């Protein structure tokens, strides 16, 4: 079992920055990828950024060049640095992690943290 606790959301003006944090606990030694998804009201949840335990990253096209996902394995924490924020970035952001045990992949989700970007 993995527990994910997020922080760092808030209200920011267009062009501003926020840094989201997600701390993992539980069976953390088996975690492979960690990352961030977001969901706006009336929209489907979408991938924002993912980072593997080895540091490989993948970003949604809409955030490339503006967002950076990073990972501190010693602190069991994944971060999302968000710069040049736009109103369309407004959403609930969810931390996620996956792990494999006995050949079975399982996904874990944080509670979500709200990011609101005003024009």
N, C-alpha and C. Protein backbone atom coordinates (compact mmCIF):
# COMPACT_ATOMS: atom_id res chain seq x y z
N UNK A 1 0.83 -1.19 0.00
CA UNK A 1 0.00 0.00 0.00
C UNK A 1 0.88 1.25 0.00
N UNK A 2 0.47 2.24 -0.78
CA UNK A 2 1.17 3.51 -0.89
C UNK A 2 0.19 4.62 -0.58
N UNK A 3 0.63 5.56 0.25
CA UNK A 3 -0.15 6.75 0.55
C UNK A 3 0.56 7.97 -0.03
N UNK A 4 -0.20 8.87 -0.63
CA UNK A 4 0.34 10.06 -1.26
C UNK A 4 -0.32 11.29 -0.67
N UNK A 5 0.47 12.24 -0.21
CA UNK A 5 -0.03 13.46 0.39
C UNK A 5 0.53 14.64 -0.38
N UNK A 6 -0.36 15.47 -0.93
CA UNK A 6 0.00 16.58 -1.78
C UNK A 6 -0.10 17.90 -1.05
N UNK A 7 0.65 18.88 -1.53
CA UNK A 7 0.57 20.23 -1.02
C UNK A 7 1.09 21.19 -2.08
N UNK A 8 0.82 22.48 -1.90
CA UNK A 8 1.39 23.51 -2.74
C UNK A 8 0.43 24.20 -3.68
N UNK A 9 -0.80 23.73 -3.78
CA UNK A 9 -1.76 24.40 -4.64
C UNK A 9 -2.17 25.74 -4.09
N UNK A 10 -2.85 26.50 -4.92
CA UNK A 10 -3.30 27.81 -4.50
C UNK A 10 -3.76 28.65 -5.66
N UNK A 11 -3.93 29.93 -5.38
CA UNK A 11 -4.38 30.91 -6.36
C UNK A 11 -3.18 31.74 -6.80
N UNK A 12 -3.03 31.88 -8.10
CA UNK A 12 -1.90 32.63 -8.65
C UNK A 12 -2.36 33.39 -9.89
N UNK A 13 -1.70 34.50 -10.15
CA UNK A 13 -2.00 35.29 -11.34
C UNK A 13 -1.38 34.66 -12.58
N UNK A 14 -1.96 34.97 -13.73
CA UNK A 14 -1.38 34.53 -15.00
C UNK A 14 0.09 34.94 -15.07
N UNK A 15 0.94 34.00 -15.47
CA UNK A 15 2.37 34.24 -15.55
C UNK A 15 3.13 33.90 -14.28
N UNK A 16 2.42 33.59 -13.22
CA UNK A 16 3.05 33.26 -11.96
C UNK A 16 3.51 31.81 -11.90
N UNK A 17 4.00 31.43 -10.73
CA UNK A 17 4.56 30.10 -10.53
C UNK A 17 4.03 29.48 -9.25
N UNK A 18 3.96 28.16 -9.25
CA UNK A 18 3.65 27.37 -8.08
C UNK A 18 4.51 26.12 -8.10
N UNK A 19 4.77 25.58 -6.92
CA UNK A 19 5.50 24.33 -6.79
C UNK A 19 4.67 23.35 -5.97
N UNK A 20 4.26 22.27 -6.60
CA UNK A 20 3.50 21.23 -5.93
C UNK A 20 4.45 20.16 -5.39
N UNK A 21 4.09 19.61 -4.24
CA UNK A 21 4.87 18.55 -3.63
C UNK A 21 3.96 17.37 -3.32
N UNK A 22 4.51 16.18 -3.39
CA UNK A 22 3.77 14.97 -3.06
C UNK A 22 4.71 14.03 -2.33
N UNK A 23 4.36 13.69 -1.10
CA UNK A 23 5.17 12.80 -0.28
C UNK A 23 4.53 11.42 -0.25
N UNK A 24 5.31 10.41 -0.56
CA UNK A 24 4.84 9.04 -0.56
C UNK A 24 5.26 8.32 0.71
N UNK A 25 4.39 7.47 1.20
CA UNK A 25 4.70 6.63 2.35
C UNK A 25 4.07 5.25 2.13
N UNK A 26 4.49 4.30 2.93
CA UNK A 26 4.02 2.94 2.79
C UNK A 26 5.05 2.08 2.09
N UNK A 27 4.62 1.33 1.10
CA UNK A 27 5.49 0.41 0.37
C UNK A 27 6.24 1.16 -0.72
N UNK A 28 7.06 2.12 -0.31
CA UNK A 28 7.66 3.05 -1.26
C UNK A 28 8.81 2.43 -2.04
N UNK A 29 9.42 1.38 -1.52
CA UNK A 29 10.56 0.78 -2.20
C UNK A 29 10.18 0.16 -3.54
N UNK A 30 8.92 -0.16 -3.72
CA UNK A 30 8.46 -0.79 -4.95
C UNK A 30 7.91 0.19 -5.97
N UNK A 31 7.91 1.48 -5.66
CA UNK A 31 7.37 2.48 -6.58
C UNK A 31 8.25 2.61 -7.80
N UNK A 32 7.63 2.63 -8.96
CA UNK A 32 8.33 2.87 -10.21
C UNK A 32 8.14 4.32 -10.64
N UNK A 33 7.04 4.60 -11.32
CA UNK A 33 6.77 5.95 -11.79
C UNK A 33 5.98 6.75 -10.77
N UNK A 34 6.21 8.04 -10.74
CA UNK A 34 5.39 8.99 -10.02
C UNK A 34 5.10 10.14 -10.96
N UNK A 35 4.02 10.85 -10.68
CA UNK A 35 3.72 11.97 -11.56
C UNK A 35 2.48 12.70 -11.15
N UNK A 36 1.98 13.49 -12.09
CA UNK A 36 0.87 14.38 -11.84
C UNK A 36 -0.15 14.31 -12.96
N UNK A 37 -1.41 14.26 -12.57
CA UNK A 37 -2.53 14.41 -13.47
C UNK A 37 -3.34 15.63 -13.02
N UNK A 38 -4.19 16.11 -13.90
CA UNK A 38 -5.06 17.22 -13.52
C UNK A 38 -6.44 17.01 -14.10
N UNK A 39 -7.42 17.60 -13.45
CA UNK A 39 -8.80 17.49 -13.89
C UNK A 39 -9.52 18.80 -13.61
N UNK A 40 -10.01 19.41 -14.67
CA UNK A 40 -10.82 20.61 -14.56
C UNK A 40 -12.29 20.22 -14.51
N UNK A 41 -13.15 21.07 -13.95
CA UNK A 41 -14.58 20.75 -13.89
C UNK A 41 -15.15 20.44 -15.27
N UNK A 42 -15.87 19.33 -15.37
CA UNK A 42 -16.47 18.92 -16.62
C UNK A 42 -15.51 18.30 -17.62
N UNK A 43 -14.25 18.13 -17.24
CA UNK A 43 -13.25 17.56 -18.12
C UNK A 43 -12.75 16.23 -17.58
N UNK A 44 -12.18 15.43 -18.47
CA UNK A 44 -11.56 14.18 -18.05
C UNK A 44 -10.19 14.46 -17.43
N UNK A 45 -9.78 13.56 -16.54
CA UNK A 45 -8.46 13.67 -15.96
C UNK A 45 -7.40 13.42 -17.04
N UNK A 46 -6.37 14.25 -17.07
CA UNK A 46 -5.34 14.15 -18.09
C UNK A 46 -3.95 14.12 -17.47
N UNK A 47 -3.05 13.44 -18.15
CA UNK A 47 -1.67 13.37 -17.73
C UNK A 47 -1.00 14.73 -17.87
N UNK A 48 -0.25 15.13 -16.85
CA UNK A 48 0.54 16.35 -16.90
C UNK A 48 2.02 16.02 -17.06
N UNK A 49 2.54 15.21 -16.16
CA UNK A 49 3.96 14.86 -16.18
C UNK A 49 4.19 13.59 -15.39
N UNK A 50 5.15 12.80 -15.84
CA UNK A 50 5.51 11.56 -15.18
C UNK A 50 7.03 11.46 -15.10
N UNK A 51 7.52 10.88 -14.01
CA UNK A 51 8.95 10.63 -13.86
C UNK A 51 9.13 9.24 -13.28
N UNK A 52 10.06 8.48 -13.84
CA UNK A 52 10.33 7.14 -13.35
C UNK A 52 11.36 7.19 -12.24
N UNK A 53 11.58 6.05 -11.61
CA UNK A 53 12.57 5.97 -10.54
C UNK A 53 13.98 6.24 -11.04
N UNK A 54 14.22 6.07 -12.34
CA UNK A 54 15.52 6.34 -12.93
C UNK A 54 15.64 7.75 -13.48
N UNK A 55 14.57 8.53 -13.42
CA UNK A 55 14.63 9.92 -13.82
C UNK A 55 14.12 10.25 -15.20
N UNK A 56 13.63 9.27 -15.95
CA UNK A 56 13.04 9.56 -17.25
C UNK A 56 11.73 10.31 -17.07
N UNK A 57 11.48 11.29 -17.92
CA UNK A 57 10.30 12.13 -17.78
C UNK A 57 9.48 12.16 -19.06
N UNK A 58 8.21 12.47 -18.90
CA UNK A 58 7.30 12.65 -20.01
C UNK A 58 6.30 13.73 -19.63
N UNK A 59 6.01 14.64 -20.57
CA UNK A 59 5.13 15.76 -20.31
C UNK A 59 4.02 15.84 -21.34
N UNK A 60 2.88 16.36 -20.90
CA UNK A 60 1.85 16.73 -21.84
C UNK A 60 2.35 17.88 -22.72
N UNK A 61 1.95 17.87 -23.99
CA UNK A 61 2.40 18.92 -24.90
C UNK A 61 2.04 20.32 -24.38
N UNK A 62 0.92 20.44 -23.71
CA UNK A 62 0.45 21.74 -23.26
C UNK A 62 1.31 22.36 -22.16
N UNK A 63 2.15 21.56 -21.50
CA UNK A 63 2.96 22.09 -20.40
C UNK A 63 4.45 22.03 -20.67
N UNK A 64 4.86 21.46 -21.80
CA UNK A 64 6.28 21.37 -22.11
C UNK A 64 6.91 22.76 -22.17
N UNK A 65 8.06 22.88 -21.54
CA UNK A 65 8.75 24.15 -21.49
C UNK A 65 8.32 25.05 -20.36
N UNK A 66 7.21 24.73 -19.69
CA UNK A 66 6.73 25.54 -18.58
C UNK A 66 6.76 24.79 -17.25
N UNK A 67 6.48 23.49 -17.29
CA UNK A 67 6.44 22.68 -16.07
C UNK A 67 7.65 21.76 -16.03
N UNK A 68 8.10 21.46 -14.82
CA UNK A 68 9.20 20.53 -14.61
C UNK A 68 8.83 19.57 -13.48
N UNK A 69 8.89 18.28 -13.75
CA UNK A 69 8.67 17.28 -12.72
C UNK A 69 10.02 16.78 -12.25
N UNK A 70 10.17 16.62 -10.95
CA UNK A 70 11.41 16.13 -10.38
C UNK A 70 11.10 15.22 -9.21
N UNK A 71 12.12 14.53 -8.74
CA UNK A 71 11.92 13.51 -7.73
C UNK A 71 13.11 13.48 -6.80
N UNK A 72 12.83 13.42 -5.51
CA UNK A 72 13.85 13.28 -4.48
C UNK A 72 13.59 11.95 -3.80
N UNK A 73 14.33 10.94 -4.20
CA UNK A 73 14.10 9.60 -3.66
C UNK A 73 14.41 9.52 -2.17
N UNK A 74 15.38 10.29 -1.71
CA UNK A 74 15.72 10.27 -0.29
C UNK A 74 14.58 10.78 0.57
N UNK A 75 13.78 11.70 0.03
CA UNK A 75 12.64 12.25 0.75
C UNK A 75 11.32 11.62 0.33
N UNK A 76 11.38 10.66 -0.59
CA UNK A 76 10.17 10.00 -1.09
C UNK A 76 9.16 11.01 -1.61
N UNK A 77 9.66 11.98 -2.35
CA UNK A 77 8.84 13.12 -2.75
C UNK A 77 9.00 13.39 -4.24
N UNK A 78 7.88 13.72 -4.88
CA UNK A 78 7.88 14.18 -6.25
C UNK A 78 7.36 15.61 -6.28
N UNK A 79 7.92 16.42 -7.17
CA UNK A 79 7.58 17.82 -7.26
C UNK A 79 7.08 18.15 -8.67
N UNK A 80 6.29 19.19 -8.74
CA UNK A 80 5.92 19.76 -10.03
C UNK A 80 6.11 21.26 -9.94
N UNK A 81 7.15 21.75 -10.59
CA UNK A 81 7.39 23.18 -10.68
C UNK A 81 6.64 23.73 -11.87
N UNK A 82 5.73 24.65 -11.63
CA UNK A 82 4.87 25.19 -12.67
C UNK A 82 5.19 26.67 -12.84
N UNK A 83 5.68 27.02 -14.01
CA UNK A 83 6.01 28.40 -14.34
C UNK A 83 5.14 28.89 -15.49
N UNK A 84 5.10 30.19 -15.66
CA UNK A 84 4.33 30.81 -16.75
C UNK A 84 2.91 30.27 -16.78
N UNK A 85 2.26 30.25 -15.64
CA UNK A 85 0.94 29.65 -15.53
C UNK A 85 -0.09 30.42 -16.33
N UNK A 86 -1.03 29.68 -16.90
CA UNK A 86 -2.10 30.22 -17.71
C UNK A 86 -3.45 29.84 -17.11
N UNK A 87 -4.50 30.60 -17.41
CA UNK A 87 -5.83 30.24 -16.89
C UNK A 87 -6.24 28.82 -17.24
N UNK A 88 -5.83 28.32 -18.40
CA UNK A 88 -6.19 26.96 -18.78
C UNK A 88 -5.49 25.90 -17.96
N UNK A 89 -4.53 26.29 -17.12
CA UNK A 89 -3.91 25.36 -16.18
C UNK A 89 -4.77 25.14 -14.94
N UNK A 90 -5.81 25.92 -14.78
CA UNK A 90 -6.68 25.79 -13.61
C UNK A 90 -7.31 24.40 -13.57
N UNK A 91 -7.10 23.70 -12.47
CA UNK A 91 -7.60 22.33 -12.32
C UNK A 91 -7.25 21.82 -10.94
N UNK A 92 -7.84 20.70 -10.58
CA UNK A 92 -7.37 19.93 -9.44
C UNK A 92 -6.23 19.04 -9.91
N UNK A 93 -5.10 19.14 -9.23
CA UNK A 93 -3.92 18.37 -9.59
C UNK A 93 -3.77 17.19 -8.64
N UNK A 94 -3.58 16.00 -9.21
CA UNK A 94 -3.51 14.77 -8.44
C UNK A 94 -2.14 14.12 -8.61
N UNK A 95 -1.52 13.84 -7.51
CA UNK A 95 -0.29 13.05 -7.52
C UNK A 95 -0.64 11.58 -7.74
N UNK A 96 0.21 10.88 -8.47
CA UNK A 96 0.00 9.45 -8.65
C UNK A 96 1.32 8.71 -8.57
N UNK A 97 1.22 7.45 -8.22
CA UNK A 97 2.37 6.56 -8.21
C UNK A 97 1.91 5.17 -8.63
N UNK A 98 2.82 4.42 -9.21
CA UNK A 98 2.51 3.03 -9.52
C UNK A 98 3.61 2.12 -8.99
N UNK A 99 3.23 0.91 -8.68
CA UNK A 99 4.19 -0.09 -8.25
C UNK A 99 3.79 -1.45 -8.78
N UNK A 100 4.75 -2.32 -8.90
CA UNK A 100 4.53 -3.67 -9.39
C UNK A 100 4.96 -4.66 -8.32
N UNK A 101 4.08 -5.57 -7.99
CA UNK A 101 4.36 -6.64 -7.06
C UNK A 101 3.78 -7.93 -7.62
N UNK A 102 4.60 -8.96 -7.69
CA UNK A 102 4.20 -10.25 -8.25
C UNK A 102 3.68 -10.09 -9.68
N UNK A 103 4.30 -9.18 -10.42
CA UNK A 103 3.93 -8.96 -11.80
C UNK A 103 2.66 -8.17 -12.02
N UNK A 104 2.07 -7.63 -10.95
CA UNK A 104 0.82 -6.89 -11.05
C UNK A 104 1.07 -5.42 -10.77
N UNK A 105 0.66 -4.57 -11.69
CA UNK A 105 0.81 -3.13 -11.54
C UNK A 105 -0.42 -2.55 -10.85
N UNK A 106 -0.16 -1.71 -9.85
CA UNK A 106 -1.23 -1.01 -9.16
C UNK A 106 -0.94 0.48 -9.11
N UNK A 107 -1.98 1.28 -9.23
CA UNK A 107 -1.87 2.73 -9.22
C UNK A 107 -2.39 3.30 -7.91
N UNK A 108 -1.78 4.39 -7.47
CA UNK A 108 -2.17 5.07 -6.24
C UNK A 108 -2.32 6.56 -6.52
N UNK A 109 -3.26 7.18 -5.83
CA UNK A 109 -3.60 8.57 -6.09
C UNK A 109 -3.63 9.39 -4.82
N UNK A 110 -3.18 10.62 -4.92
CA UNK A 110 -3.33 11.57 -3.84
C UNK A 110 -4.73 12.15 -3.81
N UNK A 111 -4.97 13.01 -2.84
CA UNK A 111 -6.30 13.56 -2.63
C UNK A 111 -6.62 14.72 -3.57
N UNK A 112 -5.62 15.26 -4.22
CA UNK A 112 -5.80 16.39 -5.11
C UNK A 112 -5.52 17.71 -4.41
N UNK A 113 -4.95 18.64 -5.16
CA UNK A 113 -4.73 20.00 -4.67
C UNK A 113 -5.13 20.97 -5.77
N UNK A 114 -5.89 21.99 -5.40
CA UNK A 114 -6.46 22.90 -6.38
C UNK A 114 -5.45 23.95 -6.81
N UNK A 115 -5.33 24.14 -8.11
CA UNK A 115 -4.55 25.22 -8.69
C UNK A 115 -5.50 26.11 -9.48
N UNK A 116 -5.54 27.38 -9.14
CA UNK A 116 -6.39 28.33 -9.83
C UNK A 116 -5.54 29.47 -10.35
N UNK A 117 -5.62 29.73 -11.64
CA UNK A 117 -4.84 30.77 -12.29
C UNK A 117 -5.80 31.83 -12.79
N UNK A 118 -5.69 33.04 -12.26
CA UNK A 118 -6.56 34.13 -12.63
C UNK A 118 -5.90 35.00 -13.69
N UNK A 119 -6.73 35.58 -14.55
CA UNK A 119 -6.23 36.43 -15.61
C UNK A 119 -6.08 37.87 -15.13
